[in-house]
Structures are given as C-alpha cells and as structure tokens.
Amino acid sequence: VNDVLVNKERYLRRDRVVIEEDERIEYRWGDRAEAEVKKSDILMRVCEVYDCEPRMFSEQYGQVKEEEGLTDEDFVVMKEATAGTEVLSVGNEVQTEPGSPV
C-alpha cells in the first residue's frame, strides 16, 4: 500500500495523527484520487455491497452532496442507473460482473 498507492501512484496520502499521547497513521484520499475518482461513485458502490441507502453513511453522504453539488434526487437517479449491475464480494475484494458498468 505505502509503496504503490502512496508513494508511486498518489491515490492515498499517509498522515500521522496524534491524539493526546496516542499516535496513529491515517490514510486519506491523495491528489490523484481527488482528481480521478468521484466520491459519489465510491459511496454508491459501498451501498450496493451493503445493500443500503447512501443516507446510512450520513457523514459521507453530506460530504459528497456538498463537494459535488448533488441533491437527494441525484442519488436516486444514480441508484436507478446502477440497479442492473451485480456486485460480487470475493474475500476482501469487491468485483463487478464482467460487462457491467463500473
């Protein structure tokens, strides 16, 4: 993860976070992910995997609406557009059926 996604590809950013005396590492969206990946697409895929509505992830839902200028109706349209695609869970990876839009 650190070598490829953080250092080479720049999809993730690795930050040290200190809370009181506890230090931990957090991974956040990197510059390349910000430029190439829509958070609404990720949120919709996660909702497909968990078979739930985007509002169930209230913090992320609000953030995506604000950042991408989306409305509740936009999420309904996106859900309808992806209704025919199947998402398969294989181990810890999520894959779409061959031929389904990503």
Foldseek 3Di string as FASTA:
>chain_A
DCVPCVPPVQQWDWDWDDDPNDIDIDIDGGPVCVVPPQLLVVLLVVCLVVVHASCVVVVSVVVSCVVVVDDPVVSVVVCVVQVPWHWDCDPPDIDTDPPRDD
